Amino acid sequence: MNRFSILLFSFILISACNKNDDRVQPGPDMKYTDLQQAEVKTGTTQRLDLDEDGTIDFSLQVILIGDPVAKEDRHTFVAGSTIDTYLLAIDNTETGKRLNKGELIGLVPPGGFEWFQVARVVMAEKIISESKPPYWRGEWKDGSHQFLSVQIGKNGSRYNGWIEISTDTNGERMILHKAAISKVPYADVRAGY
């Protein structure tokens, strides 16, 4: 009976050591910012200084667009970057990529996407048409605790990070939860970590 116990214990120990670990591995040292559920809605702009150097890195706002040809108005939720900051977007469509928690953010963008400076990327739009009921469209229209990839350029280096955002279509707003930026240049980071 004693031999059986030793073999069973050895088997369990070996199995535990060989088990794949699906947890996200810790990344570089990060600077976190609590955005305190700040709202982005018509008439407001949220300006973010993620590296706390006294300059605005990113802004989020709603742009009102009237289209007389399509006979509709659009409330367009956008994120913007500056000359020293970058947003990840689809080339030619200006659509910001929405990430899930744990997805990789690196210097090399995923297929079909590019890092853009001085960019304005579309997150979601509320369409108010003369001929049909109002509706929402866009990558972020149903986002709940999703992540926008960001980069900050400083002293010739680039730092990866993210902004955690939810969209509340009933309240016609986006909610900014948290943000983080790597303290280590060129380091890959994971959204939400």
Protein backbone atom coordinates (compact mmCIF):
# COMPACT_ATOMS: atom_id res chain seq x y z
CA MET A 1 0.00 0.00 0.00
CA ASN A 2 2.89 2.35 0.78
CA ARG A 3 4.40 1.86 -2.71
CA PHE A 4 1.07 2.66 -4.31
CA SER A 5 0.82 5.93 -2.33
CA ILE A 6 4.34 6.94 -3.37
CA LEU A 7 3.60 6.19 -7.04
CA LEU A 8 0.29 8.06 -6.91
CA PHE A 9 1.93 11.08 -5.25
CA SER A 10 4.75 11.02 -7.83
CA PHE A 11 2.25 10.87 -10.70
CA ILE A 12 0.28 13.84 -9.32
CA LEU A 13 3.46 15.84 -8.77
CA ILE A 14 4.75 15.16 -12.31
CA SER A 15 1.34 15.97 -13.82
CA ALA A 16 1.16 19.25 -11.94
CA CYS A 17 4.63 20.26 -13.15
CA ASN A 18 3.79 19.51 -16.78
CA LYS A 19 0.40 21.25 -16.81
CA ASN A 20 0.20 24.16 -19.27
CA ASP A 21 -0.24 27.49 -17.51
CA ASP A 22 -2.91 29.54 -19.33
CA ARG A 23 -2.53 32.58 -17.10
CA VAL A 24 -1.20 35.76 -18.66
CA GLN A 25 2.41 36.24 -17.70
CA PRO A 26 3.30 39.55 -16.04
CA GLY A 27 4.58 42.22 -18.40
CA PRO A 28 6.85 45.22 -17.91
CA ASP A 29 6.49 47.75 -15.12
CA MET A 30 3.43 49.90 -15.93
CA LYS A 31 2.14 53.34 -14.90
CA TYR A 32 -1.60 53.03 -14.18
CA THR A 33 -4.16 55.83 -14.26
CA ASP A 34 -7.63 55.58 -12.70
CA LEU A 35 -9.88 57.48 -15.10
CA GLN A 36 -12.70 57.46 -12.51
CA GLN A 37 -15.48 56.45 -14.92
CA ALA A 38 -15.05 59.70 -16.88
CA GLU A 39 -17.80 60.14 -19.48
CA VAL A 40 -17.42 60.97 -23.14
CA LYS A 41 -20.74 62.30 -24.43
CA THR A 42 -22.04 65.08 -26.63
CA GLY A 43 -20.55 68.37 -25.49
CA THR A 44 -17.65 66.86 -23.53
CA THR A 45 -14.03 66.08 -24.29
CA GLN A 46 -11.79 63.94 -22.11
CA ARG A 47 -8.09 64.75 -22.37
CA LEU A 48 -5.62 62.22 -21.02
CA ASP A 49 -2.02 62.76 -19.90
CA LEU A 50 -1.01 59.13 -19.34
CA ASP A 51 2.68 59.74 -18.70
CA GLU A 52 1.99 62.77 -16.45
CA ASP A 53 4.43 65.06 -18.22
CA GLY A 54 1.97 67.98 -18.38
CA THR A 55 0.95 67.51 -22.03
CA ILE A 56 -2.18 65.89 -23.42
CA ASP A 57 -1.46 62.49 -24.93
CA PHE A 58 -4.95 61.42 -26.08
CA SER A 59 -8.42 62.93 -26.28
CA LEU A 60 -11.85 61.35 -26.61
CA GLN A 61 -14.89 63.29 -27.75
CA VAL A 62 -18.10 63.26 -29.75
CA ILE A 63 -18.17 65.03 -33.11
CA LEU A 64 -21.56 66.05 -34.52
CA ILE A 65 -21.81 65.58 -38.28
CA GLY A 66 -24.77 66.53 -40.44
CA ASP A 67 -25.05 64.76 -43.81
CA PRO A 68 -27.69 66.41 -46.02
CA VAL A 69 -27.12 63.95 -48.86
CA ALA A 70 -27.81 60.87 -46.71
CA LYS A 71 -30.39 62.89 -44.71
CA GLU A 72 -28.90 61.86 -41.40
CA ASP A 73 -27.00 63.23 -38.44
CA ARG A 74 -24.15 61.34 -36.81
CA HIS A 75 -22.87 61.53 -33.26
CA THR A 76 -19.38 60.16 -33.85
CA PHE A 77 -17.31 59.02 -30.87
CA VAL A 78 -13.61 59.47 -31.67
CA ALA A 79 -10.22 59.06 -30.03
CA GLY A 80 -7.38 61.35 -31.04
CA SER A 81 -3.61 61.27 -30.76
CA THR A 82 -0.95 63.97 -31.05
CA ILE A 83 2.41 64.37 -32.79
CA ASP A 84 4.05 62.34 -29.99
CA THR A 85 1.36 59.69 -29.52
CA TYR A 86 -0.06 56.87 -31.62
CA LEU A 87 -3.37 55.01 -32.02
CA LEU A 88 -3.87 51.60 -33.60
CA ALA A 89 -6.36 51.75 -36.48
CA ILE A 90 -7.33 50.13 -39.76
CA ASP A 91 -5.68 51.90 -42.66
CA ASN A 92 -8.07 54.07 -44.74
CA THR A 93 -11.15 53.48 -42.54
CA GLU A 94 -9.99 55.29 -39.41
CA THR A 95 -11.55 52.58 -37.21
CA GLY A 96 -9.89 52.03 -33.84
CA LYS A 97 -9.06 48.42 -32.95
CA ARG A 98 -10.94 47.03 -29.95
CA LEU A 99 -8.98 44.55 -27.82
CA ASN A 100 -10.07 42.04 -25.22
CA LYS A 101 -8.30 41.72 -21.89
CA GLY A 102 -4.98 39.93 -22.28
CA GLU A 103 -4.45 40.64 -25.99
CA LEU A 104 -0.93 41.66 -26.97
CA ILE A 105 0.00 45.28 -27.70
CA GLY A 106 3.37 45.60 -29.40
CA LEU A 107 5.33 47.77 -31.78
CA VAL A 108 4.41 45.51 -34.68
CA PRO A 109 0.68 45.97 -35.33
CA PRO A 110 -1.63 43.03 -36.08
CA GLY A 111 -2.47 42.35 -39.74
CA GLY A 112 -4.52 45.08 -41.41
CA PHE A 113 -3.75 47.67 -38.73
CA GLU A 114 -1.21 50.50 -38.47
CA TRP A 115 0.07 52.82 -35.74
CA PHE A 116 -0.95 56.40 -36.59
CA GLN A 117 0.33 59.71 -35.17
CA VAL A 118 -1.90 62.78 -35.12
CA ALA A 119 -4.82 60.46 -35.72
CA ARG A 120 -8.52 60.60 -35.13
CA VAL A 121 -10.07 57.14 -35.04
CA VAL A 122 -13.78 56.37 -35.04
CA MET A 123 -14.98 54.26 -32.14
CA ALA A 124 -18.77 54.23 -32.60
CA GLU A 125 -21.52 56.34 -34.12
CA LYS A 126 -25.16 57.00 -33.33
CA ILE A 127 -27.02 57.55 -36.61
CA ILE A 128 -30.16 59.68 -36.59
CA SER A 129 -31.89 59.33 -39.94
CA GLU A 130 -34.96 61.05 -41.39
CA SER A 131 -36.22 57.72 -42.78
CA LYS A 132 -35.55 55.15 -40.02
CA PRO A 133 -35.19 54.89 -36.24
CA PRO A 134 -31.85 55.88 -34.66
CA TYR A 135 -29.23 53.13 -34.57
CA TRP A 136 -25.59 52.55 -33.59
CA ARG A 137 -22.69 51.26 -35.67
CA GLY A 138 -18.96 50.84 -35.27
CA GLU A 139 -16.43 48.52 -33.67
CA TRP A 140 -17.06 49.90 -30.16
CA LYS A 141 -20.87 50.18 -30.20
CA ASP A 142 -21.28 47.24 -27.79
CA GLY A 143 -17.89 47.36 -26.05
CA SER A 144 -17.84 46.57 -22.34
CA HIS A 145 -14.48 46.90 -20.60
CA GLN A 146 -12.59 46.69 -23.90
CA PHE A 147 -9.17 48.17 -24.60
CA LEU A 148 -7.85 50.78 -27.03
CA SER A 149 -4.15 50.30 -27.94
CA VAL A 150 -1.99 53.38 -27.49
CA GLN A 151 1.67 54.36 -27.75
CA ILE A 152 3.58 57.36 -26.46
CA GLY A 153 6.77 58.55 -28.14
CA LYS A 154 9.35 60.12 -25.82
CA ASN A 155 13.05 60.86 -26.34
CA GLY A 156 13.16 58.72 -29.49
CA SER A 157 11.56 55.69 -27.79
CA ARG A 158 8.00 54.32 -27.89
CA TYR A 159 5.98 53.03 -24.96
CA ASN A 160 2.96 50.74 -25.36
CA GLY A 161 -0.21 51.01 -23.34
CA TRP A 162 -3.99 50.84 -23.29
CA ILE A 163 -7.18 52.68 -22.30
CA GLU A 164 -10.09 50.64 -20.88
CA ILE A 165 -13.43 51.81 -22.31
CA SER A 166 -17.11 50.80 -22.22
CA THR A 167 -19.92 52.06 -24.45
CA ASP A 168 -23.36 52.80 -23.01
CA THR A 169 -25.68 53.26 -26.00
CA ASN A 170 -28.72 53.85 -23.76
CA GLY A 171 -26.89 56.70 -22.02
CA GLU A 172 -25.29 57.81 -25.31
CA ARG A 173 -21.82 57.84 -23.77
CA MET A 174 -18.49 56.11 -23.49
CA ILE A 175 -17.07 55.44 -20.05
CA LEU A 176 -13.32 55.60 -19.39
CA HIS A 177 -12.27 53.21 -16.63
CA LYS A 178 -8.47 52.90 -16.46
CA ALA A 179 -5.36 53.40 -18.55
CA ALA A 180 -1.79 52.20 -18.38
CA ILE A 181 1.45 52.92 -20.17
CA SER A 182 4.66 50.88 -19.99
CA LYS A 183 7.61 52.38 -18.15
CA VAL A 184 9.89 50.25 -20.35
CA PRO A 185 10.44 51.41 -23.96
CA TYR A 186 9.50 49.03 -26.78
CA ALA A 187 8.13 46.40 -24.36
CA ASP A 188 5.09 44.38 -25.42
CA VAL A 189 2.19 44.71 -22.98
CA ARG A 190 -1.11 42.93 -22.45
CA ALA A 191 -4.40 44.84 -22.53
CA GLY A 192 -5.74 45.23 -19.02
CA TYR A 193 -2.54 44.15 -17.25
